C-alpha atoms as a PDB file:
ATOM      1  CA  UNK A   1      13.300   4.728   6.665  1.00  0.00           C
ATOM      2  CA  UNK A   2      11.742   7.553   8.668  1.00  0.00           C
ATOM      3  CA  UNK A   3       9.278   6.422  11.332  1.00  0.00           C
ATOM      4  CA  UNK A   4       6.740   9.091  10.280  1.00  0.00           C
ATOM      5  CA  UNK A   5       6.647   7.727   6.723  1.00  0.00           C
ATOM      6  CA  UNK A   6       6.174   4.168   7.968  1.00  0.00           C
ATOM      7  CA  UNK A   7       3.469   5.295  10.396  1.00  0.00           C
ATOM      8  CA  UNK A   8       1.540   7.031   7.595  1.00  0.00           C
ATOM      9  CA  UNK A   9       1.737   3.949   5.374  1.00  0.00           C
ATOM     10  CA  UNK A  10       0.563   1.679   8.177  1.00  0.00           C
ATOM     11  CA  UNK A  11      -2.220   4.124   9.094  1.00  0.00           C
ATOM     12  CA  UNK A  12      -3.559   4.070   5.540  1.00  0.00           C
ATOM     13  CA  UNK A  13      -3.368   0.282   5.430  1.00  0.00           C
ATOM     14  CA  UNK A  14      -5.160   0.123   8.785  1.00  0.00           C
ATOM     15  CA  UNK A  15      -8.511   0.927   7.151  1.00  0.00           C
ATOM     16  CA  UNK A  16     -10.331  -2.235   5.940  1.00  0.00           C
ATOM     17  CA  UNK A  17     -11.441  -0.725   2.620  1.00  0.00           C
ATOM     18  CA  UNK A  18      -8.001   0.671   1.816  1.00  0.00           C
ATOM     19  CA  UNK A  19      -6.386  -2.622   2.772  1.00  0.00           C
ATOM     20  CA  UNK A  20      -8.760  -4.477   0.409  1.00  0.00           C
ATOM     21  CA  UNK A  21      -7.946  -2.009  -2.376  1.00  0.00           C
ATOM     22  CA  UNK A  22      -4.210  -2.299  -1.796  1.00  0.00           C
ATOM     23  CA  UNK A  23      -4.374  -6.084  -1.649  1.00  0.00           C
ATOM     24  CA  UNK A  24      -6.148  -6.146  -5.018  1.00  0.00           C
ATOM     25  CA  UNK A  25      -3.601  -3.764  -6.517  1.00  0.00           C
ATOM     26  CA  UNK A  26      -0.702  -5.858  -5.190  1.00  0.00           C
ATOM     27  CA  UNK A  27      -2.290  -9.030  -6.584  1.00  0.00           C
ATOM     28  CA  UNK A  28      -2.589  -7.386 -10.011  1.00  0.00           C
ATOM     29  CA  UNK A  29       1.182  -7.248 -10.352  1.00  0.00           C
ATOM     30  CA  UNK A  30       3.370  -4.703 -12.077  1.00  0.00           C
ATOM     31  CA  UNK A  31       0.872  -3.906 -14.838  1.00  0.00           C
ATOM     32  CA  UNK A  32      -1.624  -2.692 -12.229  1.00  0.00           C
ATOM     33  CA  UNK A  33      -5.396  -2.819 -12.291  1.00  0.00           C
ATOM     34  CA  UNK A  34      -7.882  -0.450 -13.876  1.00  0.00           C
ATOM     35  CA  UNK A  35      -9.828   1.690 -11.415  1.00  0.00           C
ATOM     36  CA  UNK A  36     -13.051   0.459 -13.033  1.00  0.00           C
ATOM     37  CA  UNK A  37     -11.937  -3.114 -12.450  1.00  0.00           C
ATOM     38  CA  UNK A  38     -11.249  -2.341  -8.801  1.00  0.00           C
ATOM     39  CA  UNK A  39     -14.663  -0.759  -8.450  1.00  0.00           C
ATOM     40  CA  UNK A  40     -16.360  -3.766  -9.998  1.00  0.00           C
ATOM     41  CA  UNK A  41     -14.307  -6.299  -8.032  1.00  0.00           C
ATOM     42  CA  UNK A  42     -14.789  -4.628  -4.646  1.00  0.00           C
ATOM     43  CA  UNK A  43     -18.239  -3.077  -5.137  1.00  0.00           C
ATOM     44  CA  UNK A  44     -17.130   0.339  -3.888  1.00  0.00           C
ATOM     45  CA  UNK A  45     -18.854   3.521  -5.138  1.00  0.00           C
ATOM     46  CA  UNK A  46     -16.621   5.587  -7.422  1.00  0.00           C
ATOM     47  CA  UNK A  47     -16.285   8.617  -5.171  1.00  0.00           C
ATOM     48  CA  UNK A  48     -15.436   6.455  -2.160  1.00  0.00           C
ATOM     49  CA  UNK A  49     -12.913   4.465  -4.173  1.00  0.00           C
ATOM     50  CA  UNK A  50     -11.289   7.652  -5.432  1.00  0.00           C
ATOM     51  CA  UNK A  51     -10.946   8.953  -1.872  1.00  0.00           C
ATOM     52  CA  UNK A  52      -9.278   5.751  -0.680  1.00  0.00           C
ATOM     53  CA  UNK A  53      -6.961   5.568  -3.706  1.00  0.00           C
ATOM     54  CA  UNK A  54      -5.864   9.155  -3.021  1.00  0.00           C
ATOM     55  CA  UNK A  55      -5.044   8.235   0.569  1.00  0.00           C
ATOM     56  CA  UNK A  56      -2.952   5.251  -0.524  1.00  0.00           C
ATOM     57  CA  UNK A  57      -1.199   7.337  -3.179  1.00  0.00           C
ATOM     58  CA  UNK A  58      -0.404  10.115  -0.677  1.00  0.00           C
ATOM     59  CA  UNK A  59       1.273   7.506   1.524  1.00  0.00           C
ATOM     60  CA  UNK A  60       3.357   6.414  -1.483  1.00  0.00           C
ATOM     61  CA  UNK A  61       1.870   2.924  -1.536  1.00  0.00           C
ATOM     62  CA  UNK A  62       0.473   3.135  -5.045  1.00  0.00           C
ATOM     63  CA  UNK A  63       0.719   5.247  -8.149  1.00  0.00           C
ATOM     64  CA  UNK A  64      -1.616   5.779 -11.064  1.00  0.00           C
ATOM     65  CA  UNK A  65      -1.006   5.503 -14.785  1.00  0.00           C
ATOM     66  CA  UNK A  66      -3.326   6.609 -17.564  1.00  0.00           C
ATOM     67  CA  UNK A  67      -3.663   4.660 -20.801  1.00  0.00           C
ATOM     68  CA  UNK A  68      -6.127   6.425 -23.049  1.00  0.00           C
ATOM     69  CA  UNK A  69      -9.276   6.832 -21.003  1.00  0.00           C
ATOM     70  CA  UNK A  70      -8.371   4.119 -18.500  1.00  0.00           C
ATOM     71  CA  UNK A  71      -6.699   4.905 -15.189  1.00  0.00           C
ATOM     72  CA  UNK A  72      -4.629   2.119 -13.648  1.00  0.00           C
ATOM     73  CA  UNK A  73      -3.473   1.728 -10.054  1.00  0.00           C
ATOM     74  CA  UNK A  74      -0.034   0.200  -9.598  1.00  0.00           C
ATOM     75  CA  UNK A  75       1.473  -0.894  -6.299  1.00  0.00           C
ATOM     76  CA  UNK A  76       4.723   0.749  -5.254  1.00  0.00           C
ATOM     77  CA  UNK A  77       6.459  -2.485  -4.314  1.00  0.00           C
ATOM     78  CA  UNK A  78       9.671  -0.730  -3.231  1.00  0.00           C
ATOM     79  CA  UNK A  79       7.700   1.279  -0.668  1.00  0.00           C
ATOM     80  CA  UNK A  80       5.888  -1.854   0.530  1.00  0.00           C
ATOM     81  CA  UNK A  81       9.211  -3.663   0.937  1.00  0.00           C
ATOM     82  CA  UNK A  82      10.681  -0.680   2.795  1.00  0.00           C
ATOM     83  CA  UNK A  83       7.782  -0.654   5.272  1.00  0.00           C
ATOM     84  CA  UNK A  84       8.051  -4.409   5.830  1.00  0.00           C
ATOM     85  CA  UNK A  85      11.832  -4.133   6.096  1.00  0.00           C
ATOM     86  CA  UNK A  86      11.540  -1.350   8.664  1.00  0.00           C
ATOM     87  CA  UNK A  87       9.662  -3.753  10.930  1.00  0.00           C
ATOM     88  CA  UNK A  88      11.760  -6.825  10.168  1.00  0.00           C
ATOM     89  CA  UNK A  89      15.100  -5.058  10.628  1.00  0.00           C
ATOM     90  CA  UNK A  90      14.322  -4.531  14.301  1.00  0.00           C
ATOM     91  CA  UNK A  91      13.347  -8.147  14.940  1.00  0.00           C
ATOM     92  CA  UNK A  92      14.927  -9.552  18.073  1.00  0.00           C
ATOM     93  CA  UNK A  93      17.675  -6.889  18.352  1.00  0.00           C
ATOM     94  CA  UNK A  94      17.164  -6.458  22.089  1.00  0.00           C
ATOM     95  CA  UNK A  95      17.165 -10.217  22.604  1.00  0.00           C
ATOM     96  CA  UNK A  96      20.511 -10.537  20.824  1.00  0.00           C
ATOM     97  CA  UNK A  97      21.993  -7.762  22.957  1.00  0.00           C
ATOM     98  CA  UNK A  98      20.989  -9.515  26.193  1.00  0.00           C
ATOM     99  CA  UNK A  99      22.467 -12.828  24.968  1.00  0.00           C
ATOM    100  CA  UNK A 100      25.887 -11.194  24.652  1.00  0.00           C
ATOM    101  CA  UNK A 101      26.031 -10.568  28.407  1.00  0.00           C
END
């Protein structure tokens, strides 16, 4: 995965409000959570919530789905796993290289 893509995802998750939103969306599972439910759960004004959701969506961390008049946020679990994997894949590589000497 490209380091710029990972950096953008981590930057968006580095904001406390966006992290709280994303955590709630992840907890909701594959069906997602209604934006109104997020607003009620987190007590965030609608315009602020919309701004933060847009930031998370632009980083590819969540998508939105409309059912009638209700807009749902759904976590992009593949993207989350890719970001986590990017960090985990590098774990201890330099240590292993020095052990071979």
